[in-house]
């Protein structure tokens, strides 16, 4: 990902959900956080495709947690933000802040 690439809205939401879970987040936890924060439904497919894309860009990494009986013996991934991912999130936030500067009255409905 180059320094000028912007994150899409859903990519930002996924990265924010991971950032809110400093020990790393499982997909089900991330999905729930996004659904609660946006008040909209998130499909598993959309989340996993986005996580794969973010991993390919070097913005997310994951650790595989060992299987245990509570999950039917299946291992699961715990997702973490990389330094590059945090930098991309900061850039995207700065762009939104710059673009909305001076529009507070309109955006806040005053």
N, C-alpha and C. Protein backbone atom coordinates (compact mmCIF):
# COMPACT_ATOMS: atom_id res chain seq x y z
N UNK A 1 0.86 -1.18 0.00
CA UNK A 1 0.00 0.00 0.00
C UNK A 1 0.90 1.23 0.00
N UNK A 2 0.68 2.11 -0.94
CA UNK A 2 1.49 3.32 -1.01
C UNK A 2 0.96 4.34 -0.01
N UNK A 3 1.77 5.34 0.25
CA UNK A 3 1.38 6.38 1.21
C UNK A 3 0.20 7.21 0.78
N UNK A 4 -0.17 7.13 -0.51
CA UNK A 4 -1.29 7.94 -1.00
C UNK A 4 -2.58 7.14 -1.13
N UNK A 5 -2.52 5.84 -0.97
CA UNK A 5 -3.73 5.02 -1.06
C UNK A 5 -4.63 5.30 0.14
N UNK A 6 -5.91 5.49 -0.14
CA UNK A 6 -6.87 5.70 0.93
C UNK A 6 -7.60 4.40 1.22
N UNK A 7 -7.98 4.24 2.46
CA UNK A 7 -8.77 3.08 2.86
C UNK A 7 -10.22 3.31 2.49
N UNK A 8 -10.91 2.23 2.14
CA UNK A 8 -12.34 2.30 1.96
C UNK A 8 -13.02 2.38 3.32
N UNK A 9 -14.30 2.75 3.29
CA UNK A 9 -15.03 2.90 4.56
C UNK A 9 -15.03 1.61 5.37
N UNK A 10 -15.33 0.48 4.73
CA UNK A 10 -15.41 -0.76 5.48
C UNK A 10 -14.03 -1.19 5.97
N UNK A 11 -12.99 -0.93 5.17
CA UNK A 11 -11.64 -1.23 5.62
C UNK A 11 -11.32 -0.44 6.89
N UNK A 12 -11.71 0.83 6.91
CA UNK A 12 -11.48 1.65 8.10
C UNK A 12 -12.21 1.06 9.31
N UNK A 13 -13.45 0.64 9.11
CA UNK A 13 -14.23 0.08 10.21
C UNK A 13 -13.59 -1.19 10.75
N UNK A 14 -13.09 -2.04 9.86
CA UNK A 14 -12.43 -3.28 10.29
C UNK A 14 -11.17 -2.95 11.08
N UNK A 15 -10.36 -2.03 10.57
CA UNK A 15 -9.14 -1.66 11.29
C UNK A 15 -9.45 -1.03 12.64
N UNK A 16 -10.48 -0.21 12.71
CA UNK A 16 -10.88 0.38 13.99
C UNK A 16 -11.34 -0.69 14.98
N UNK A 17 -12.07 -1.68 14.49
CA UNK A 17 -12.52 -2.77 15.37
C UNK A 17 -11.34 -3.56 15.90
N UNK A 18 -10.33 -3.79 15.06
CA UNK A 18 -9.13 -4.49 15.52
C UNK A 18 -8.39 -3.63 16.54
N UNK A 19 -8.25 -2.34 16.24
CA UNK A 19 -7.55 -1.42 17.14
C UNK A 19 -8.23 -1.36 18.51
N UNK A 20 -9.53 -1.49 18.55
CA UNK A 20 -10.29 -1.45 19.81
C UNK A 20 -10.08 -2.71 20.64
N UNK A 21 -9.45 -3.73 20.06
CA UNK A 21 -9.16 -4.98 20.77
C UNK A 21 -7.64 -5.15 20.81
N UNK A 22 -6.96 -4.50 21.75
CA UNK A 22 -5.49 -4.47 21.74
C UNK A 22 -4.82 -5.83 21.80
N UNK A 23 -5.49 -6.83 22.34
CA UNK A 23 -4.91 -8.17 22.38
C UNK A 23 -5.20 -8.94 21.10
N UNK A 24 -5.81 -8.28 20.14
CA UNK A 24 -6.19 -8.94 18.89
C UNK A 24 -7.65 -9.31 18.93
N UNK A 25 -8.23 -9.38 17.77
CA UNK A 25 -9.66 -9.65 17.71
C UNK A 25 -9.97 -10.85 16.84
N UNK A 26 -10.90 -11.65 17.29
CA UNK A 26 -11.41 -12.75 16.47
C UNK A 26 -12.45 -12.18 15.53
N UNK A 27 -12.63 -12.81 14.40
CA UNK A 27 -13.56 -12.31 13.39
C UNK A 27 -14.96 -12.09 13.97
N UNK A 28 -15.42 -13.00 14.79
CA UNK A 28 -16.78 -12.87 15.34
C UNK A 28 -16.88 -11.64 16.24
N UNK A 29 -15.82 -11.33 16.98
CA UNK A 29 -15.79 -10.15 17.84
C UNK A 29 -15.75 -8.88 16.99
N UNK A 30 -14.94 -8.91 15.93
CA UNK A 30 -14.84 -7.76 15.04
C UNK A 30 -16.17 -7.49 14.36
N UNK A 31 -16.80 -8.56 13.89
CA UNK A 31 -18.10 -8.42 13.21
C UNK A 31 -19.13 -7.79 14.15
N UNK A 32 -19.18 -8.27 15.38
CA UNK A 32 -20.14 -7.74 16.35
C UNK A 32 -19.86 -6.27 16.64
N UNK A 33 -18.59 -5.91 16.79
CA UNK A 33 -18.23 -4.52 17.07
C UNK A 33 -18.64 -3.60 15.92
N UNK A 34 -18.43 -4.05 14.69
CA UNK A 34 -18.80 -3.24 13.53
C UNK A 34 -20.32 -3.12 13.44
N UNK A 35 -21.02 -4.22 13.65
CA UNK A 35 -22.49 -4.18 13.59
C UNK A 35 -23.06 -3.25 14.65
N UNK A 36 -22.51 -3.32 15.87
CA UNK A 36 -23.01 -2.45 16.94
C UNK A 36 -22.65 -0.99 16.69
N UNK A 37 -21.46 -0.75 16.18
CA UNK A 37 -21.02 0.62 15.95
C UNK A 37 -21.69 1.30 14.77
N UNK A 38 -22.08 0.51 13.77
CA UNK A 38 -22.67 1.09 12.56
C UNK A 38 -24.18 0.89 12.48
N UNK A 39 -24.70 0.02 13.34
CA UNK A 39 -26.12 -0.34 13.32
C UNK A 39 -26.53 -0.88 11.95
N UNK A 40 -25.65 -1.70 11.37
CA UNK A 40 -25.98 -2.37 10.12
C UNK A 40 -25.39 -3.77 10.15
N UNK A 41 -25.97 -4.64 9.34
CA UNK A 41 -25.56 -6.03 9.29
C UNK A 41 -24.26 -6.17 8.49
N UNK A 42 -23.40 -7.07 8.95
CA UNK A 42 -22.14 -7.35 8.27
C UNK A 42 -22.10 -8.84 7.97
N UNK A 43 -21.93 -9.19 6.71
CA UNK A 43 -21.87 -10.61 6.35
C UNK A 43 -20.47 -11.16 6.66
N UNK A 44 -20.42 -12.43 6.97
CA UNK A 44 -19.13 -13.09 7.23
C UNK A 44 -18.24 -12.97 6.01
N UNK A 45 -18.83 -13.16 4.83
CA UNK A 45 -18.04 -13.11 3.61
C UNK A 45 -17.39 -11.76 3.39
N UNK A 46 -18.15 -10.69 3.62
CA UNK A 46 -17.60 -9.34 3.45
C UNK A 46 -16.46 -9.10 4.43
N UNK A 47 -16.64 -9.55 5.66
CA UNK A 47 -15.61 -9.35 6.67
C UNK A 47 -14.34 -10.13 6.31
N UNK A 48 -14.49 -11.42 5.97
CA UNK A 48 -13.31 -12.23 5.66
C UNK A 48 -12.60 -11.76 4.39
N UNK A 49 -13.35 -11.34 3.37
CA UNK A 49 -12.71 -10.81 2.16
C UNK A 49 -11.92 -9.55 2.49
N UNK A 50 -12.48 -8.71 3.33
CA UNK A 50 -11.79 -7.48 3.71
C UNK A 50 -10.56 -7.79 4.55
N UNK A 51 -10.66 -8.72 5.49
CA UNK A 51 -9.50 -9.10 6.29
C UNK A 51 -8.40 -9.67 5.40
N UNK A 52 -8.76 -10.49 4.42
CA UNK A 52 -7.77 -11.04 3.48
C UNK A 52 -7.11 -9.92 2.68
N UNK A 53 -7.91 -8.97 2.21
CA UNK A 53 -7.38 -7.85 1.43
C UNK A 53 -6.43 -7.00 2.29
N UNK A 54 -6.83 -6.72 3.53
CA UNK A 54 -6.00 -5.94 4.43
C UNK A 54 -4.70 -6.67 4.76
N UNK A 55 -4.77 -7.97 4.89
CA UNK A 55 -3.56 -8.76 5.12
C UNK A 55 -2.64 -8.66 3.90
N UNK A 56 -3.21 -8.76 2.71
CA UNK A 56 -2.43 -8.65 1.49
C UNK A 56 -1.75 -7.30 1.34
N UNK A 57 -2.35 -6.27 1.89
CA UNK A 57 -1.77 -4.92 1.85
C UNK A 57 -0.75 -4.71 2.98
N UNK A 58 -0.63 -5.70 3.87
CA UNK A 58 0.30 -5.57 4.99
C UNK A 58 -0.23 -4.74 6.14
N UNK A 59 -1.55 -4.55 6.20
CA UNK A 59 -2.15 -3.71 7.24
C UNK A 59 -2.62 -4.52 8.45
N UNK A 60 -2.77 -5.82 8.25
CA UNK A 60 -3.28 -6.72 9.28
C UNK A 60 -2.42 -7.98 9.27
N UNK A 61 -2.21 -8.53 10.43
CA UNK A 61 -1.58 -9.85 10.54
C UNK A 61 -2.46 -10.68 11.48
N UNK A 62 -2.23 -11.98 11.49
CA UNK A 62 -3.03 -12.82 12.38
C UNK A 62 -2.16 -13.90 12.98
N UNK A 63 -2.59 -14.36 14.14
CA UNK A 63 -1.98 -15.50 14.83
C UNK A 63 -3.03 -16.60 14.86
N UNK A 64 -2.59 -17.82 14.70
CA UNK A 64 -3.51 -18.95 14.77
C UNK A 64 -3.51 -19.48 16.19
N UNK A 65 -4.68 -19.46 16.80
CA UNK A 65 -4.83 -19.97 18.16
C UNK A 65 -5.13 -21.46 18.09
N UNK A 66 -4.52 -22.20 18.95
CA UNK A 66 -4.71 -23.65 18.93
C UNK A 66 -6.16 -24.04 19.14
N UNK A 67 -6.50 -25.16 18.57
CA UNK A 67 -7.86 -25.68 18.69
C UNK A 67 -8.13 -26.14 20.12
N UNK A 68 -9.38 -26.02 20.52
CA UNK A 68 -9.79 -26.61 21.79
C UNK A 68 -11.21 -27.15 21.63
N UNK A 69 -11.64 -27.88 22.59
CA UNK A 69 -12.93 -28.57 22.51
C UNK A 69 -14.13 -27.63 22.48
N UNK A 70 -14.00 -26.43 23.04
CA UNK A 70 -15.14 -25.51 23.08
C UNK A 70 -15.56 -25.05 21.69
N UNK A 71 -14.62 -25.12 20.74
CA UNK A 71 -14.93 -24.72 19.37
C UNK A 71 -14.99 -25.93 18.44
N UNK A 72 -15.23 -27.07 18.99
CA UNK A 72 -15.32 -28.27 18.17
C UNK A 72 -13.97 -28.70 17.62
N UNK A 73 -12.90 -28.31 18.29
CA UNK A 73 -11.57 -28.70 17.86
C UNK A 73 -11.01 -27.87 16.72
N UNK A 74 -11.64 -26.75 16.39
CA UNK A 74 -11.17 -25.91 15.29
C UNK A 74 -10.28 -24.78 15.80
N UNK A 75 -9.14 -24.55 15.12
CA UNK A 75 -8.33 -23.39 15.48
C UNK A 75 -9.01 -22.12 14.99
N UNK A 76 -8.61 -20.98 15.52
CA UNK A 76 -9.17 -19.72 15.02
C UNK A 76 -8.09 -18.65 14.97
N UNK A 77 -8.34 -17.68 14.12
CA UNK A 77 -7.38 -16.60 13.91
C UNK A 77 -7.69 -15.42 14.82
N UNK A 78 -6.63 -14.84 15.35
CA UNK A 78 -6.73 -13.61 16.12
C UNK A 78 -6.02 -12.54 15.29
N UNK A 79 -6.76 -11.49 14.93
CA UNK A 79 -6.24 -10.47 14.03
C UNK A 79 -5.63 -9.30 14.80
N UNK A 80 -4.55 -8.77 14.24
CA UNK A 80 -3.82 -7.65 14.85
C UNK A 80 -3.54 -6.60 13.77
N UNK A 81 -3.49 -5.36 14.19
CA UNK A 81 -3.12 -4.26 13.31
C UNK A 81 -1.59 -4.21 13.23
N UNK A 82 -1.06 -4.03 12.03
CA UNK A 82 0.38 -3.82 11.89
C UNK A 82 0.69 -2.34 12.04
N UNK A 83 1.95 -2.00 12.14
CA UNK A 83 2.34 -0.58 12.19
C UNK A 83 1.90 0.12 10.91
N UNK A 84 2.02 -0.57 9.79
CA UNK A 84 1.58 -0.02 8.51
C UNK A 84 0.07 0.21 8.52
N UNK A 85 -0.66 -0.71 9.13
CA UNK A 85 -2.11 -0.58 9.23
C UNK A 85 -2.51 0.62 10.08
N UNK A 86 -1.80 0.80 11.19
CA UNK A 86 -2.08 1.95 12.05
C UNK A 86 -1.77 3.26 11.32
N UNK A 87 -0.67 3.28 10.57
CA UNK A 87 -0.32 4.48 9.81
C UNK A 87 -1.38 4.78 8.75
N UNK A 88 -1.88 3.74 8.08
CA UNK A 88 -2.92 3.93 7.06
C UNK A 88 -4.20 4.47 7.68
N UNK A 89 -4.54 3.95 8.85
CA UNK A 89 -5.74 4.42 9.56
C UNK A 89 -5.58 5.88 9.97
N UNK A 90 -4.41 6.24 10.43
CA UNK A 90 -4.14 7.64 10.80
C UNK A 90 -4.25 8.55 9.58
N UNK A 91 -3.70 8.11 8.43
CA UNK A 91 -3.79 8.91 7.20
C UNK A 91 -5.24 9.12 6.79
N UNK A 92 -6.02 8.05 6.82
CA UNK A 92 -7.43 8.15 6.43
C UNK A 92 -8.19 9.09 7.35
N UNK A 93 -7.92 8.99 8.63
CA UNK A 93 -8.58 9.87 9.60
C UNK A 93 -8.21 11.33 9.34
N UNK A 94 -6.94 11.57 9.05
CA UNK A 94 -6.48 12.94 8.79
C UNK A 94 -7.16 13.51 7.54
N UNK A 95 -7.35 12.68 6.52
CA UNK A 95 -8.01 13.13 5.29
C UNK A 95 -9.45 13.54 5.59
N UNK A 96 -10.16 12.71 6.33
CA UNK A 96 -11.55 13.02 6.67
C UNK A 96 -11.61 14.31 7.49
N UNK A 97 -10.70 14.47 8.43
CA UNK A 97 -10.68 15.69 9.24
C UNK A 97 -10.40 16.92 8.38
N UNK A 98 -9.44 16.82 7.45
CA UNK A 98 -9.14 17.95 6.56
C UNK A 98 -10.33 18.30 5.68
N UNK A 99 -10.96 17.27 5.11
CA UNK A 99 -12.07 17.49 4.19
C UNK A 99 -13.29 18.08 4.90
N UNK A 100 -13.45 17.78 6.19
CA UNK A 100 -14.63 18.26 6.91
C UNK A 100 -14.37 19.56 7.67
N UNK A 101 -13.13 20.05 7.61
CA UNK A 101 -12.79 21.29 8.32
C UNK A 101 -13.65 22.45 7.80
N UNK A 102 -14.26 23.15 8.73
CA UNK A 102 -15.10 24.28 8.37
C UNK A 102 -16.55 23.89 8.08
N UNK A 103 -16.84 22.61 8.13
CA UNK A 103 -18.19 22.14 7.84
C UNK A 103 -18.91 21.65 9.09
N UNK A 104 -18.36 21.94 10.24
CA UNK A 104 -18.91 21.42 11.50
C UNK A 104 -20.38 21.79 11.68
N UNK A 105 -20.73 23.06 11.40
CA UNK A 105 -22.12 23.49 11.58
C UNK A 105 -23.07 22.69 10.71
N UNK A 106 -22.69 22.46 9.48
CA UNK A 106 -23.54 21.71 8.56
C UNK A 106 -23.63 20.25 8.99
N UNK A 107 -22.49 19.66 9.31
CA UNK A 107 -22.45 18.25 9.68
C UNK A 107 -23.13 17.97 11.01
N UNK A 108 -23.09 18.93 11.91
CA UNK A 108 -23.73 18.75 13.21
C UNK A 108 -25.19 19.17 13.19
N UNK A 109 -25.66 19.69 12.07
CA UNK A 109 -27.06 20.05 11.94
C UNK A 109 -27.43 21.38 12.57
N UNK A 110 -26.47 22.23 12.82
CA UNK A 110 -26.75 23.54 13.44
C UNK A 110 -27.20 24.55 12.42
